[in-house]
mmCIF file of all heavy atoms, coordinates in Angstrom:
data_MODEL
# 
_entry.id   MODEL 
# 
loop_
_atom_site.group_PDB 
_atom_site.id 
_atom_site.type_symbol 
_atom_site.label_atom_id 
_atom_site.label_alt_id 
_atom_site.label_comp_id 
_atom_site.label_asym_id 
_atom_site.label_entity_id 
_atom_site.label_seq_id 
_atom_site.pdbx_PDB_ins_code 
_atom_site.Cartn_x 
_atom_site.Cartn_y 
_atom_site.Cartn_z 
_atom_site.occupancy 
_atom_site.B_iso_or_equiv 
_atom_site.pdbx_formal_charge 
_atom_site.auth_seq_id 
_atom_site.auth_comp_id 
_atom_site.auth_asym_id 
_atom_site.auth_atom_id 
_atom_site.pdbx_PDB_model_num 
ATOM 1   N N   . GLN A 1 1  ? 1.067   -13.992 -8.830  1.00 0.00 ? 1  GLN A N   1 
ATOM 2   C CA  . GLN A 1 1  ? -0.202  -13.688 -8.173  1.00 0.00 ? 1  GLN A CA  1 
ATOM 3   C C   . GLN A 1 1  ? -1.308  -13.385 -9.118  1.00 0.00 ? 1  GLN A C   1 
ATOM 4   O O   . GLN A 1 1  ? -2.583  -13.345 -8.639  1.00 0.00 ? 1  GLN A O   1 
ATOM 5   C CB  . GLN A 1 1  ? 0.070   -12.439 -7.316  1.00 0.00 ? 1  GLN A CB  1 
ATOM 6   C CG  . GLN A 1 1  ? 1.110   -12.647 -6.166  1.00 0.00 ? 1  GLN A CG  1 
ATOM 7   C CD  . GLN A 1 1  ? 0.714   -13.598 -5.200  1.00 0.00 ? 1  GLN A CD  1 
ATOM 8   O OE1 . GLN A 1 1  ? -0.394  -14.117 -4.976  1.00 0.00 ? 1  GLN A OE1 1 
ATOM 9   N NE2 . GLN A 1 1  ? 1.775   -14.009 -4.318  1.00 0.00 ? 1  GLN A NE2 1 
ATOM 10  N N   . GLY A 1 2  ? -1.114  -13.215 -10.303 1.00 0.00 ? 2  GLY A N   1 
ATOM 11  C CA  . GLY A 1 2  ? -2.163  -12.853 -11.242 1.00 0.00 ? 2  GLY A CA  1 
ATOM 12  C C   . GLY A 1 2  ? -2.478  -11.355 -11.249 1.00 0.00 ? 2  GLY A C   1 
ATOM 13  O O   . GLY A 1 2  ? -1.821  -10.513 -10.520 1.00 0.00 ? 2  GLY A O   1 
ATOM 14  N N   . ASP A 1 3  ? -3.598  -10.988 -11.919 1.00 0.00 ? 3  ASP A N   1 
ATOM 15  C CA  . ASP A 1 3  ? -4.056  -9.620  -11.863 1.00 0.00 ? 3  ASP A CA  1 
ATOM 16  C C   . ASP A 1 3  ? -4.336  -9.204  -10.453 1.00 0.00 ? 3  ASP A C   1 
ATOM 17  O O   . ASP A 1 3  ? -5.117  -9.945  -9.731  1.00 0.00 ? 3  ASP A O   1 
ATOM 18  C CB  . ASP A 1 3  ? -5.341  -9.485  -12.777 1.00 0.00 ? 3  ASP A CB  1 
ATOM 19  C CG  . ASP A 1 3  ? -5.702  -8.107  -12.990 1.00 0.00 ? 3  ASP A CG  1 
ATOM 20  O OD1 . ASP A 1 3  ? -5.604  -7.198  -12.049 1.00 0.00 ? 3  ASP A OD1 1 
ATOM 21  O OD2 . ASP A 1 3  ? -6.191  -7.846  -14.088 1.00 0.00 ? 3  ASP A OD2 1 
ATOM 22  N N   . PRO A 1 4  ? -3.874  -8.105  -9.883  1.00 0.00 ? 4  PRO A N   1 
ATOM 23  C CA  . PRO A 1 4  ? -4.150  -7.705  -8.509  1.00 0.00 ? 4  PRO A CA  1 
ATOM 24  C C   . PRO A 1 4  ? -5.659  -7.494  -8.214  1.00 0.00 ? 4  PRO A C   1 
ATOM 25  O O   . PRO A 1 4  ? -6.048  -7.446  -7.072  1.00 0.00 ? 4  PRO A O   1 
ATOM 26  C CB  . PRO A 1 4  ? -3.191  -6.451  -8.289  1.00 0.00 ? 4  PRO A CB  1 
ATOM 27  C CG  . PRO A 1 4  ? -3.036  -5.919  -9.745  1.00 0.00 ? 4  PRO A CG  1 
ATOM 28  C CD  . PRO A 1 4  ? -2.950  -7.127  -10.533 1.00 0.00 ? 4  PRO A CD  1 
ATOM 29  N N   . ARG A 1 5  ? -6.437  -7.198  -9.349  1.00 0.00 ? 5  ARG A N   1 
ATOM 30  C CA  . ARG A 1 5  ? -7.824  -7.003  -9.058  1.00 0.00 ? 5  ARG A CA  1 
ATOM 31  C C   . ARG A 1 5  ? -8.523  -8.309  -8.633  1.00 0.00 ? 5  ARG A C   1 
ATOM 32  O O   . ARG A 1 5  ? -9.516  -8.212  -7.838  1.00 0.00 ? 5  ARG A O   1 
ATOM 33  C CB  . ARG A 1 5  ? -8.609  -6.639  -10.330 1.00 0.00 ? 5  ARG A CB  1 
ATOM 34  C CG  . ARG A 1 5  ? -8.248  -5.332  -10.830 1.00 0.00 ? 5  ARG A CG  1 
ATOM 35  C CD  . ARG A 1 5  ? -8.872  -5.092  -12.216 1.00 0.00 ? 5  ARG A CD  1 
ATOM 36  N NE  . ARG A 1 5  ? -8.510  -5.869  -13.255 1.00 0.00 ? 5  ARG A NE  1 
ATOM 37  C CZ  . ARG A 1 5  ? -8.982  -5.880  -14.446 1.00 0.00 ? 5  ARG A CZ  1 
ATOM 38  N NH1 . ARG A 1 5  ? -9.979  -5.150  -14.889 1.00 0.00 ? 5  ARG A NH1 1 
ATOM 39  N NH2 . ARG A 1 5  ? -8.498  -6.726  -15.378 1.00 0.00 ? 5  ARG A NH2 1 
ATOM 40  N N   . PHE A 1 6  ? -7.863  -9.505  -8.820  1.00 0.00 ? 6  PHE A N   1 
ATOM 41  C CA  . PHE A 1 6  ? -8.502  -10.715 -8.441  1.00 0.00 ? 6  PHE A CA  1 
ATOM 42  C C   . PHE A 1 6  ? -7.678  -11.600 -7.506  1.00 0.00 ? 6  PHE A C   1 
ATOM 43  O O   . PHE A 1 6  ? -7.932  -12.770 -7.414  1.00 0.00 ? 6  PHE A O   1 
ATOM 44  C CB  . PHE A 1 6  ? -8.812  -11.561 -9.773  1.00 0.00 ? 6  PHE A CB  1 
ATOM 45  C CG  . PHE A 1 6  ? -9.428  -10.795 -10.835 1.00 0.00 ? 6  PHE A CG  1 
ATOM 46  C CD1 . PHE A 1 6  ? -8.790  -10.515 -12.013 1.00 0.00 ? 6  PHE A CD1 1 
ATOM 47  C CD2 . PHE A 1 6  ? -10.765 -10.246 -10.609 1.00 0.00 ? 6  PHE A CD2 1 
ATOM 48  C CE1 . PHE A 1 6  ? -9.453  -9.740  -13.025 1.00 0.00 ? 6  PHE A CE1 1 
ATOM 49  C CE2 . PHE A 1 6  ? -11.418 -9.565  -11.549 1.00 0.00 ? 6  PHE A CE2 1 
ATOM 50  C CZ  . PHE A 1 6  ? -10.738 -9.263  -12.706 1.00 0.00 ? 6  PHE A CZ  1 
ATOM 51  N N   . SER A 1 7  ? -6.659  -10.903 -6.915  1.00 0.00 ? 7  SER A N   1 
ATOM 52  C CA  . SER A 1 7  ? -5.664  -11.720 -6.051  1.00 0.00 ? 7  SER A CA  1 
ATOM 53  C C   . SER A 1 7  ? -6.096  -11.468 -4.566  1.00 0.00 ? 7  SER A C   1 
ATOM 54  O O   . SER A 1 7  ? -6.024  -10.394 -4.042  1.00 0.00 ? 7  SER A O   1 
ATOM 55  C CB  . SER A 1 7  ? -4.298  -11.175 -6.357  1.00 0.00 ? 7  SER A CB  1 
ATOM 56  O OG  . SER A 1 7  ? -3.404  -11.712 -5.365  1.00 0.00 ? 7  SER A OG  1 
ATOM 57  N N   . SER A 1 8  ? -6.497  -12.556 -3.947  1.00 0.00 ? 8  SER A N   1 
ATOM 58  C CA  . SER A 1 8  ? -6.672  -12.483 -2.536  1.00 0.00 ? 8  SER A CA  1 
ATOM 59  C C   . SER A 1 8  ? -5.438  -12.241 -1.800  1.00 0.00 ? 8  SER A C   1 
ATOM 60  O O   . SER A 1 8  ? -5.409  -11.539 -0.650  1.00 0.00 ? 8  SER A O   1 
ATOM 61  C CB  . SER A 1 8  ? -7.358  -13.734 -1.971  1.00 0.00 ? 8  SER A CB  1 
ATOM 62  O OG  . SER A 1 8  ? -6.555  -14.848 -2.168  1.00 0.00 ? 8  SER A OG  1 
ATOM 63  N N   . THR A 1 9  ? -4.366  -12.824 -2.140  1.00 0.00 ? 9  THR A N   1 
ATOM 64  C CA  . THR A 1 9  ? -3.055  -12.560 -1.528  1.00 0.00 ? 9  THR A CA  1 
ATOM 65  C C   . THR A 1 9  ? -2.722  -11.069 -1.606  1.00 0.00 ? 9  THR A C   1 
ATOM 66  O O   . THR A 1 9  ? -2.285  -10.492 -0.675  1.00 0.00 ? 9  THR A O   1 
ATOM 67  C CB  . THR A 1 9  ? -1.934  -13.315 -2.249  1.00 0.00 ? 9  THR A CB  1 
ATOM 68  O OG1 . THR A 1 9  ? -2.254  -14.765 -2.198  1.00 0.00 ? 9  THR A OG1 1 
ATOM 69  C CG2 . THR A 1 9  ? -0.610  -13.103 -1.501  1.00 0.00 ? 9  THR A CG2 1 
ATOM 70  N N   . SER A 1 10 ? -3.007  -10.438 -2.728  1.00 0.00 ? 10 SER A N   1 
ATOM 71  C CA  . SER A 1 10 ? -2.596  -9.052  -2.844  1.00 0.00 ? 10 SER A CA  1 
ATOM 72  C C   . SER A 1 10 ? -3.435  -8.206  -1.945  1.00 0.00 ? 10 SER A C   1 
ATOM 73  O O   . SER A 1 10 ? -3.000  -7.293  -1.321  1.00 0.00 ? 10 SER A O   1 
ATOM 74  C CB  . SER A 1 10 ? -2.860  -8.508  -4.375  1.00 0.00 ? 10 SER A CB  1 
ATOM 75  O OG  . SER A 1 10 ? -2.733  -7.213  -4.425  1.00 0.00 ? 10 SER A OG  1 
ATOM 76  N N   . ALA A 1 11 ? -4.731  -8.561  -1.855  1.00 0.00 ? 11 ALA A N   1 
ATOM 77  C CA  . ALA A 1 11 ? -5.658  -7.821  -0.896  1.00 0.00 ? 11 ALA A CA  1 
ATOM 78  C C   . ALA A 1 11 ? -5.235  -7.946  0.501   1.00 0.00 ? 11 ALA A C   1 
ATOM 79  O O   . ALA A 1 11 ? -5.326  -7.007  1.208   1.00 0.00 ? 11 ALA A O   1 
ATOM 80  C CB  . ALA A 1 11 ? -7.123  -8.278  -1.103  1.00 0.00 ? 11 ALA A CB  1 
ATOM 81  N N   . ALA A 1 12 ? -4.791  -9.247  0.884   1.00 0.00 ? 12 ALA A N   1 
ATOM 82  C CA  . ALA A 1 12 ? -4.402  -9.418  2.243   1.00 0.00 ? 12 ALA A CA  1 
ATOM 83  C C   . ALA A 1 12 ? -3.205  -8.593  2.580   1.00 0.00 ? 12 ALA A C   1 
ATOM 84  O O   . ALA A 1 12 ? -2.977  -8.040  3.704   1.00 0.00 ? 12 ALA A O   1 
ATOM 85  C CB  . ALA A 1 12 ? -4.131  -10.903 2.543   1.00 0.00 ? 12 ALA A CB  1 
ATOM 86  N N   . ARG A 1 13 ? -2.147  -8.581  1.640   1.00 0.00 ? 13 ARG A N   1 
ATOM 87  C CA  . ARG A 1 13 ? -0.944  -7.860  1.768   1.00 0.00 ? 13 ARG A CA  1 
ATOM 88  C C   . ARG A 1 13 ? -1.218  -6.297  1.947   1.00 0.00 ? 13 ARG A C   1 
ATOM 89  O O   . ARG A 1 13 ? -0.699  -5.645  2.745   1.00 0.00 ? 13 ARG A O   1 
ATOM 90  C CB  . ARG A 1 13 ? -0.055  -8.000  0.608   1.00 0.00 ? 13 ARG A CB  1 
ATOM 91  C CG  . ARG A 1 13 ? 1.310   -7.452  0.758   1.00 0.00 ? 13 ARG A CG  1 
ATOM 92  C CD  . ARG A 1 13 ? 2.177   -7.613  -0.466  1.00 0.00 ? 13 ARG A CD  1 
ATOM 93  N NE  . ARG A 1 13 ? 2.570   -8.870  -0.510  1.00 0.00 ? 13 ARG A NE  1 
ATOM 94  C CZ  . ARG A 1 13 ? 2.315   -9.854  -1.470  1.00 0.00 ? 13 ARG A CZ  1 
ATOM 95  N NH1 . ARG A 1 13 ? 1.486   -9.418  -2.494  1.00 0.00 ? 13 ARG A NH1 1 
ATOM 96  N NH2 . ARG A 1 13 ? 2.715   -11.070 -1.506  1.00 0.00 ? 13 ARG A NH2 1 
ATOM 97  N N   . ARG A 1 14 ? -2.142  -5.865  1.096   1.00 0.00 ? 14 ARG A N   1 
ATOM 98  C CA  . ARG A 1 14 ? -2.543  -4.362  1.232   1.00 0.00 ? 14 ARG A CA  1 
ATOM 99  C C   . ARG A 1 14 ? -3.157  -4.026  2.549   1.00 0.00 ? 14 ARG A C   1 
ATOM 100 O O   . ARG A 1 14 ? -2.877  -3.014  3.094   1.00 0.00 ? 14 ARG A O   1 
ATOM 101 C CB  . ARG A 1 14 ? -3.451  -3.900  0.092   1.00 0.00 ? 14 ARG A CB  1 
ATOM 102 C CG  . ARG A 1 14 ? -2.843  -3.966  -1.220  1.00 0.00 ? 14 ARG A CG  1 
ATOM 103 C CD  . ARG A 1 14 ? -3.731  -3.204  -2.251  1.00 0.00 ? 14 ARG A CD  1 
ATOM 104 N NE  . ARG A 1 14 ? -5.076  -3.775  -2.276  1.00 0.00 ? 14 ARG A NE  1 
ATOM 105 C CZ  . ARG A 1 14 ? -5.412  -4.812  -3.031  1.00 0.00 ? 14 ARG A CZ  1 
ATOM 106 N NH1 . ARG A 1 14 ? -4.471  -5.336  -3.851  1.00 0.00 ? 14 ARG A NH1 1 
ATOM 107 N NH2 . ARG A 1 14 ? -6.623  -5.239  -2.981  1.00 0.00 ? 14 ARG A NH2 1 
ATOM 108 N N   . SER A 1 15 ? -3.821  -4.919  3.129   1.00 0.00 ? 15 SER A N   1 
ATOM 109 C CA  . SER A 1 15 ? -4.470  -4.702  4.410   1.00 0.00 ? 15 SER A CA  1 
ATOM 110 C C   . SER A 1 15 ? -3.502  -4.709  5.540   1.00 0.00 ? 15 SER A C   1 
ATOM 111 O O   . SER A 1 15 ? -3.680  -4.009  6.544   1.00 0.00 ? 15 SER A O   1 
ATOM 112 C CB  . SER A 1 15 ? -5.622  -5.680  4.661   1.00 0.00 ? 15 SER A CB  1 
ATOM 113 O OG  . SER A 1 15 ? -5.037  -6.991  5.046   1.00 0.00 ? 15 SER A OG  1 
ATOM 114 N N   . ARG A 1 16 ? -2.326  -5.431  5.343   1.00 0.00 ? 16 ARG A N   1 
ATOM 115 C CA  . ARG A 1 16 ? -1.388  -5.390  6.459   1.00 0.00 ? 16 ARG A CA  1 
ATOM 116 C C   . ARG A 1 16 ? -0.317  -4.242  6.344   1.00 0.00 ? 16 ARG A C   1 
ATOM 117 O O   . ARG A 1 16 ? 0.363   -3.986  7.250   1.00 0.00 ? 16 ARG A O   1 
ATOM 118 C CB  . ARG A 1 16 ? -0.546  -6.799  6.432   1.00 0.00 ? 16 ARG A CB  1 
ATOM 119 C CG  . ARG A 1 16 ? -1.522  -7.959  6.800   1.00 0.00 ? 16 ARG A CG  1 
ATOM 120 C CD  . ARG A 1 16 ? -0.556  -9.114  7.052   1.00 0.00 ? 16 ARG A CD  1 
ATOM 121 N NE  . ARG A 1 16 ? 0.296   -9.446  5.855   1.00 0.00 ? 16 ARG A NE  1 
ATOM 122 C CZ  . ARG A 1 16 ? -0.118  -10.302 4.874   1.00 0.00 ? 16 ARG A CZ  1 
ATOM 123 N NH1 . ARG A 1 16 ? -1.218  -10.800 4.886   1.00 0.00 ? 16 ARG A NH1 1 
ATOM 124 N NH2 . ARG A 1 16 ? 0.860   -10.516 3.895   1.00 0.00 ? 16 ARG A NH2 1 
ATOM 125 N N   . ARG A 1 17 ? -0.195  -3.748  5.163   1.00 0.00 ? 17 ARG A N   1 
ATOM 126 C CA  . ARG A 1 17 ? 0.916   -2.751  4.866   1.00 0.00 ? 17 ARG A CA  1 
ATOM 127 C C   . ARG A 1 17 ? 0.424   -1.326  4.990   1.00 0.00 ? 17 ARG A C   1 
ATOM 128 O O   . ARG A 1 17 ? -0.619  -1.004  4.659   1.00 0.00 ? 17 ARG A O   1 
ATOM 129 C CB  . ARG A 1 17 ? 1.399   -3.080  3.416   1.00 0.00 ? 17 ARG A CB  1 
ATOM 130 C CG  . ARG A 1 17 ? 2.668   -2.291  3.080   1.00 0.00 ? 17 ARG A CG  1 
ATOM 131 C CD  . ARG A 1 17 ? 3.174   -2.752  1.735   1.00 0.00 ? 17 ARG A CD  1 
ATOM 132 N NE  . ARG A 1 17 ? 2.275   -2.144  0.728   1.00 0.00 ? 17 ARG A NE  1 
ATOM 133 C CZ  . ARG A 1 17 ? 1.633   -2.881  -0.106  1.00 0.00 ? 17 ARG A CZ  1 
ATOM 134 N NH1 . ARG A 1 17 ? 1.706   -4.297  0.015   1.00 0.00 ? 17 ARG A NH1 1 
ATOM 135 N NH2 . ARG A 1 17 ? 0.877   -2.537  -1.045  1.00 0.00 ? 17 ARG A NH2 1 
ATOM 136 N N   . THR A 1 18 ? 1.309   -0.533  5.447   1.00 0.00 ? 18 THR A N   1 
ATOM 137 C CA  . THR A 1 18 ? 1.090   0.921   5.519   1.00 0.00 ? 18 THR A CA  1 
ATOM 138 C C   . THR A 1 18 ? 2.198   1.574   4.752   1.00 0.00 ? 18 THR A C   1 
ATOM 139 O O   . THR A 1 18 ? 3.439   1.112   4.754   1.00 0.00 ? 18 THR A O   1 
ATOM 140 C CB  . THR A 1 18 ? 1.105   1.392   6.949   1.00 0.00 ? 18 THR A CB  1 
ATOM 141 O OG1 . THR A 1 18 ? 2.294   1.149   7.572   1.00 0.00 ? 18 THR A OG1 1 
ATOM 142 C CG2 . THR A 1 18 ? -0.181  0.810   7.768   1.00 0.00 ? 18 THR A CG2 1 
ATOM 143 N N   . HIS A 1 19 ? 1.905   2.680   4.068   1.00 0.00 ? 19 HIS A N   1 
ATOM 144 C CA  . HIS A 1 19 ? 2.908   3.439   3.359   1.00 0.00 ? 19 HIS A CA  1 
ATOM 145 C C   . HIS A 1 19 ? 3.714   4.177   4.381   1.00 0.00 ? 19 HIS A C   1 
ATOM 146 O O   . HIS A 1 19 ? 3.379   4.523   5.442   1.00 0.00 ? 19 HIS A O   1 
ATOM 147 C CB  . HIS A 1 19 ? 2.225   4.443   2.374   1.00 0.00 ? 19 HIS A CB  1 
ATOM 148 C CG  . HIS A 1 19 ? 1.882   3.834   1.023   1.00 0.00 ? 19 HIS A CG  1 
ATOM 149 N ND1 . HIS A 1 19 ? 2.779   3.296   0.160   1.00 0.00 ? 19 HIS A ND1 1 
ATOM 150 C CD2 . HIS A 1 19 ? 0.623   3.484   0.544   1.00 0.00 ? 19 HIS A CD2 1 
ATOM 151 C CE1 . HIS A 1 19 ? 2.159   2.899   -0.893  1.00 0.00 ? 19 HIS A CE1 1 
ATOM 152 N NE2 . HIS A 1 19 ? 0.878   2.875   -0.660  1.00 0.00 ? 19 HIS A NE2 1 
ATOM 153 N N   . ALA A 1 20 ? 5.080   4.519   3.918   1.00 0.00 ? 20 ALA A N   1 
ATOM 154 C CA  . ALA A 1 20 ? 5.872   5.285   4.653   1.00 0.00 ? 20 ALA A CA  1 
ATOM 155 C C   . ALA A 1 20 ? 5.248   6.694   4.945   1.00 0.00 ? 20 ALA A C   1 
ATOM 156 O O   . ALA A 1 20 ? 4.618   7.152   4.083   1.00 0.00 ? 20 ALA A O   1 
ATOM 157 C CB  . ALA A 1 20 ? 7.285   5.430   4.054   1.00 0.00 ? 20 ALA A CB  1 
ATOM 158 N N   . SER A 1 21 ? 5.422   7.152   6.096   1.00 0.00 ? 21 SER A N   1 
ATOM 159 C CA  . SER A 1 21 ? 4.922   8.458   6.421   1.00 0.00 ? 21 SER A CA  1 
ATOM 160 C C   . SER A 1 21 ? 6.020   9.373   6.921   1.00 0.00 ? 21 SER A C   1 
ATOM 161 O O   . SER A 1 21 ? 6.956   8.912   7.511   1.00 0.00 ? 21 SER A O   1 
ATOM 162 C CB  . SER A 1 21 ? 3.770   8.409   7.442   1.00 0.00 ? 21 SER A CB  1 
ATOM 163 O OG  . SER A 1 21 ? 4.254   7.853   8.522   1.00 0.00 ? 21 SER A OG  1 
ATOM 164 N N   . PHE A 1 22 ? 5.865   10.725  6.639   1.00 0.00 ? 22 PHE A N   1 
ATOM 165 C CA  . PHE A 1 22 ? 6.951   11.608  6.952   1.00 0.00 ? 22 PHE A CA  1 
ATOM 166 C C   . PHE A 1 22 ? 6.332   12.888  7.630   1.00 0.00 ? 22 PHE A C   1 
ATOM 167 O O   . PHE A 1 22 ? 5.193   13.165  7.330   1.00 0.00 ? 22 PHE A O   1 
ATOM 168 C CB  . PHE A 1 22 ? 7.780   11.922  5.679   1.00 0.00 ? 22 PHE A CB  1 
ATOM 169 C CG  . PHE A 1 22 ? 8.292   10.636  5.102   1.00 0.00 ? 22 PHE A CG  1 
ATOM 170 C CD1 . PHE A 1 22 ? 7.569   10.078  4.120   1.00 0.00 ? 22 PHE A CD1 1 
ATOM 171 C CD2 . PHE A 1 22 ? 9.500   10.161  5.554   1.00 0.00 ? 22 PHE A CD2 1 
ATOM 172 C CE1 . PHE A 1 22 ? 7.984   8.882   3.515   1.00 0.00 ? 22 PHE A CE1 1 
ATOM 173 C CE2 . PHE A 1 22 ? 10.012  8.976   4.955   1.00 0.00 ? 22 PHE A CE2 1 
ATOM 174 C CZ  . PHE A 1 22 ? 9.198   8.346   3.928   1.00 0.00 ? 22 PHE A CZ  1 
ATOM 175 N N   . PRO A 1 23 ? 7.155   13.703  8.231   1.00 0.00 ? 23 PRO A N   1 
ATOM 176 C CA  . PRO A 1 23 ? 6.652   15.013  8.705   1.00 0.00 ? 23 PRO A CA  1 
ATOM 177 C C   . PRO A 1 23 ? 6.104   15.764  7.556   1.00 0.00 ? 23 PRO A C   1 
ATOM 178 O O   . PRO A 1 23 ? 6.740   15.828  6.411   1.00 0.00 ? 23 PRO A O   1 
ATOM 179 C CB  . PRO A 1 23 ? 7.881   15.735  9.335   1.00 0.00 ? 23 PRO A CB  1 
ATOM 180 C CG  . PRO A 1 23 ? 8.729   14.547  9.655   1.00 0.00 ? 23 PRO A CG  1 
ATOM 181 C CD  . PRO A 1 23 ? 8.555   13.468  8.652   1.00 0.00 ? 23 PRO A CD  1 
ATOM 182 N N   . MET A 1 24 ? 5.049   16.459  7.656   1.00 0.00 ? 24 MET A N   1 
ATOM 183 C CA  . MET A 1 24 ? 4.484   17.232  6.558   1.00 0.00 ? 24 MET A CA  1 
ATOM 184 C C   . MET A 1 24 ? 5.333   18.329  6.083   1.00 0.00 ? 24 MET A C   1 
ATOM 185 O O   . MET A 1 24 ? 5.177   18.634  4.882   1.00 0.00 ? 24 MET A O   1 
ATOM 186 C CB  . MET A 1 24 ? 3.085   17.845  7.003   1.00 0.00 ? 24 MET A CB  1 
ATOM 187 C CG  . MET A 1 24 ? 1.981   16.838  7.221   1.00 0.00 ? 24 MET A CG  1 
ATOM 188 S SD  . MET A 1 24 ? 1.671   15.794  5.698   1.00 0.00 ? 24 MET A SD  1 
ATOM 189 C CE  . MET A 1 24 ? 1.117   17.110  4.594   1.00 0.00 ? 24 MET A CE  1 
ATOM 190 N N   . THR A 1 25 ? 6.245   18.847  6.814   1.00 0.00 ? 25 THR A N   1 
ATOM 191 C CA  . THR A 1 25 ? 7.195   19.916  6.308   1.00 0.00 ? 25 THR A CA  1 
ATOM 192 C C   . THR A 1 25 ? 8.180   19.385  5.289   1.00 0.00 ? 25 THR A C   1 
ATOM 193 O O   . THR A 1 25 ? 8.791   20.137  4.518   1.00 0.00 ? 25 THR A O   1 
ATOM 194 C CB  . THR A 1 25 ? 7.997   20.508  7.443   1.00 0.00 ? 25 THR A CB  1 
ATOM 195 O OG1 . THR A 1 25 ? 8.567   19.473  8.198   1.00 0.00 ? 25 THR A OG1 1 
ATOM 196 C CG2 . THR A 1 25 ? 7.085   21.222  8.451   1.00 0.00 ? 25 THR A CG2 1 
ATOM 197 N N   . SER A 1 26 ? 8.314   17.990  5.209   1.00 0.00 ? 26 SER A N   1 
ATOM 198 C CA  . SER A 1 26 ? 9.262   17.458  4.208   1.00 0.00 ? 26 SER A CA  1 
ATOM 199 C C   . SER A 1 26 ? 8.686   16.916  2.912   1.00 0.00 ? 26 SER A C   1 
ATOM 200 O O   . SER A 1 26 ? 9.405   16.424  2.061   1.00 0.00 ? 26 SER A O   1 
ATOM 201 C CB  . SER A 1 26 ? 9.992   16.247  4.920   1.00 0.00 ? 26 SER A CB  1 
ATOM 202 O OG  . SER A 1 26 ? 9.072   15.170  5.005   1.00 0.00 ? 26 SER A OG  1 
ATOM 203 N N   . ILE A 1 27 ? 7.345   17.139  2.752   1.00 0.00 ? 27 ILE A N   1 
ATOM 204 C CA  . ILE A 1 27 ? 6.593   16.448  1.702   1.00 0.00 ? 27 ILE A CA  1 
ATOM 205 C C   . ILE A 1 27 ? 5.980   17.558  0.865   1.00 0.00 ? 27 ILE A C   1 
ATOM 206 O O   . ILE A 1 27 ? 5.470   18.490  1.271   1.00 0.00 ? 27 ILE A O   1 
ATOM 207 C CB  . ILE A 1 27 ? 5.488   15.563  2.200   1.00 0.00 ? 27 ILE A CB  1 
ATOM 208 C CG1 . ILE A 1 27 ? 6.101   14.305  2.890   1.00 0.00 ? 27 ILE A CG1 1 
ATOM 209 C CG2 . ILE A 1 27 ? 4.522   15.104  1.108   1.00 0.00 ? 27 ILE A CG2 1 
ATOM 210 C CD1 . ILE A 1 27 ? 5.165   13.399  3.570   1.00 0.00 ? 27 ILE A CD1 1 
ATOM 211 N N   . ILE A 1 28 ? 6.109   17.320  -0.516  1.00 0.00 ? 28 ILE A N   1 
ATOM 212 C CA  . ILE A 1 28 ? 5.096   18.036  -1.484  1.00 0.00 ? 28 ILE A CA  1 
ATOM 213 C C   . ILE A 1 28 ? 4.364   17.010  -2.156  1.00 0.00 ? 28 ILE A C   1 
ATOM 214 O O   . ILE A 1 28 ? 4.945   16.096  -2.735  1.00 0.00 ? 28 ILE A O   1 
ATOM 215 C CB  . ILE A 1 28 ? 5.977   18.840  -2.403  1.00 0.00 ? 28 ILE A CB  1 
ATOM 216 C CG1 . ILE A 1 28 ? 6.743   19.974  -1.735  1.00 0.00 ? 28 ILE A CG1 1 
ATOM 217 C CG2 . ILE A 1 28 ? 5.110   19.531  -3.434  1.00 0.00 ? 28 ILE A CG2 1 
ATOM 218 C CD1 . ILE A 1 28 ? 7.793   20.669  -2.566  1.00 0.00 ? 28 ILE A CD1 1 
ATOM 219 N N   . SER A 1 29 ? 3.094   16.987  -2.147  1.00 0.00 ? 29 SER A N   1 
ATOM 220 C CA  . SER A 1 29 ? 2.348   15.889  -2.739  1.00 0.00 ? 29 SER A CA  1 
ATOM 221 C C   . SER A 1 29 ? 1.539   16.588  -3.926  1.00 0.00 ? 29 SER A C   1 
ATOM 222 O O   . SER A 1 29 ? 1.573   17.766  -4.142  1.00 0.00 ? 29 SER A O   1 
ATOM 223 C CB  . SER A 1 29 ? 1.365   15.254  -1.798  1.00 0.00 ? 29 SER A CB  1 
ATOM 224 O OG  . SER A 1 29 ? 0.237   16.138  -1.580  1.00 0.00 ? 29 SER A OG  1 
# 
């Protein structure tokens, strides 16, 4: 894909993907 700064595929993938989420009581950030 090349450098993610210049990858349109990378940008499209990021727009479709969401990070896993958990109840706030289980997380320390």
